[in-house]
Protein backbone atom coordinates (compact mmCIF):
# COMPACT_ATOMS: atom_id res chain seq x y z
CA MET A 1 0.00 0.00 0.00
CA SER A 2 1.46 3.30 -1.05
CA VAL A 3 0.32 6.41 0.84
CA LYS A 4 -0.28 9.30 -1.53
CA SER A 5 -1.35 11.97 0.96
CA LYS A 6 0.72 14.04 3.39
CA TYR A 7 -1.14 12.82 6.48
CA VAL A 8 -2.83 9.67 7.72
CA PHE A 9 -5.58 9.75 10.34
CA ILE A 10 -5.60 6.40 12.14
CA VAL A 11 -8.73 5.27 13.99
CA SER A 12 -8.65 2.03 16.01
CA MET A 13 -11.45 0.39 17.98
CA ASP A 14 -13.16 -2.74 19.17
CA VAL A 15 -16.86 -3.48 18.74
CA ALA A 16 -19.23 -5.55 20.83
CA PRO A 17 -19.35 -9.04 19.28
CA GLU A 18 -23.13 -8.98 18.86
CA LYS A 19 -22.84 -5.75 16.81
CA GLU A 20 -19.89 -6.78 14.62
CA ALA A 21 -21.94 -7.54 11.49
CA LEU A 22 -23.81 -4.21 11.79
CA PHE A 23 -20.51 -2.40 12.48
CA ASN A 24 -18.96 -3.71 9.25
CA GLU A 25 -22.07 -3.10 7.17
CA VAL A 26 -22.50 0.50 8.35
CA TYR A 27 -18.78 1.27 8.19
CA ASP A 28 -18.47 0.01 4.60
CA ARG A 29 -21.81 1.16 3.15
CA GLU A 30 -22.44 4.43 5.00
CA HIS A 31 -19.61 5.78 7.15
CA VAL A 32 -16.72 5.45 4.69
CA PRO A 33 -18.71 6.72 1.67
CA ASN A 34 -19.89 9.73 3.70
CA LEU A 35 -16.36 10.60 4.84
CA LEU A 36 -14.91 10.14 1.34
CA LYS A 37 -17.13 13.04 0.21
CA VAL A 38 -15.31 15.38 2.62
CA PRO A 39 -12.85 17.68 0.81
CA GLY A 40 -9.32 16.63 1.71
CA VAL A 41 -10.11 12.97 2.38
CA ARG A 42 -8.28 11.00 -0.32
CA SER A 43 -8.87 7.36 0.63
CA VAL A 44 -9.88 5.02 3.42
CA THR A 45 -8.42 1.59 4.10
CA ARG A 46 -9.96 -0.69 6.73
CA LEU A 47 -7.96 -3.34 8.54
CA ARG A 48 -8.78 -6.13 10.98
CA THR A 49 -6.26 -7.79 13.29
CA GLU A 50 -5.36 -11.28 12.18
CA PRO A 51 -3.37 -13.70 14.35
CA ALA A 52 -0.02 -14.60 12.81
CA SER A 53 3.52 -15.58 13.72
CA LEU A 54 6.81 -13.75 13.28
CA SER A 55 10.27 -15.27 13.15
CA LEU A 56 12.80 -12.82 14.56
CA GLY A 57 16.30 -13.47 15.87
CA GLY A 58 15.85 -17.24 15.78
CA THR A 59 12.63 -17.17 17.78
CA THR A 60 9.09 -17.52 16.54
CA LYS A 61 6.65 -15.24 18.28
CA ARG A 62 2.86 -15.48 18.08
CA LEU A 63 1.29 -12.13 17.13
CA THR A 64 -2.15 -11.94 18.69
CA GLY A 65 -2.71 -8.22 18.96
CA GLU A 66 -3.74 -8.73 22.58
CA GLY A 67 -4.81 -5.41 24.08
CA SER A 68 -4.79 -3.65 20.72
CA PRO A 69 -8.06 -2.73 19.04
CA THR A 70 -9.32 -5.27 16.51
CA TYR A 71 -10.30 -2.78 13.79
CA VAL A 72 -8.22 0.01 12.25
CA ALA A 73 -9.16 2.55 9.59
CA LEU A 74 -6.51 4.56 7.76
CA TYR A 75 -7.79 7.82 6.32
CA GLU A 76 -5.43 9.51 3.89
CA ILE A 77 -6.00 13.24 4.37
CA ASP A 78 -4.50 16.44 2.99
CA SER A 79 -4.17 18.14 6.37
CA PRO A 80 -5.13 17.62 10.03
CA ASP A 81 -7.51 20.57 9.52
CA VAL A 82 -9.79 18.25 7.53
CA LEU A 83 -10.78 16.61 10.83
CA THR A 84 -12.21 19.83 12.27
CA SER A 85 -13.89 21.03 9.11
CA LYS A 86 -17.65 21.54 8.94
CA ALA A 87 -17.87 18.90 6.20
CA TRP A 88 -16.10 16.28 8.36
CA THR A 89 -18.17 17.12 11.42
CA GLU A 90 -21.41 16.74 9.48
CA ALA A 91 -20.34 13.59 7.58
CA ALA A 92 -19.25 11.82 10.77
CA GLU A 93 -22.77 12.18 12.20
CA LEU A 94 -24.73 10.88 9.19
CA GLY A 95 -26.53 7.57 8.94
CA ARG A 96 -26.73 4.84 11.52
CA TRP A 97 -23.15 5.26 12.76
CA PRO A 98 -23.76 7.70 15.66
CA SER A 99 -26.81 6.00 17.15
CA GLU A 100 -26.61 2.31 16.19
CA VAL A 101 -22.87 1.62 16.02
CA ARG A 102 -20.72 4.15 17.91
CA PRO A 103 -22.28 3.31 21.33
CA TYR A 104 -21.09 -0.30 20.89
CA THR A 105 -17.47 0.57 20.17
CA SER A 106 -14.71 0.65 22.79
CA ASN A 107 -10.94 0.84 23.16
CA ARG A 108 -11.01 3.72 20.67
CA HIS A 109 -7.80 5.45 19.63
CA HIS A 110 -7.32 8.37 17.22
CA ILE A 111 -4.01 9.74 15.95
CA VAL A 112 -2.69 11.73 12.99
CA ARG A 113 0.66 10.80 11.46
CA LYS A 114 2.61 12.85 8.94
CA VAL A 115 4.07 10.86 6.06
CA VAL A 116 7.85 11.17 6.04
């Protein structure tokens, strides 16, 4: 994956197991399309933690992601100012996300990284 923007907004979270199907449906069909309409949002990539193993220094280590949020979304943005724009604020509150999904998320983390 090649990042083409100057900044990446990284959102990580867990979701209640009984709401996981709704979470994925709303995120893919409503939330991401709404945020992609915001000026300065270039792309969104969603990720889910997957158990794996890593061989390093002669030792194999199991990567479980324990304690880390299960879901991550990478938003390629032109500037951190995008996140406080009126368009972002309005788009983030559209659809079923605020009332039917957000209350069932936890372990949420938000950070902006500059591409170097």
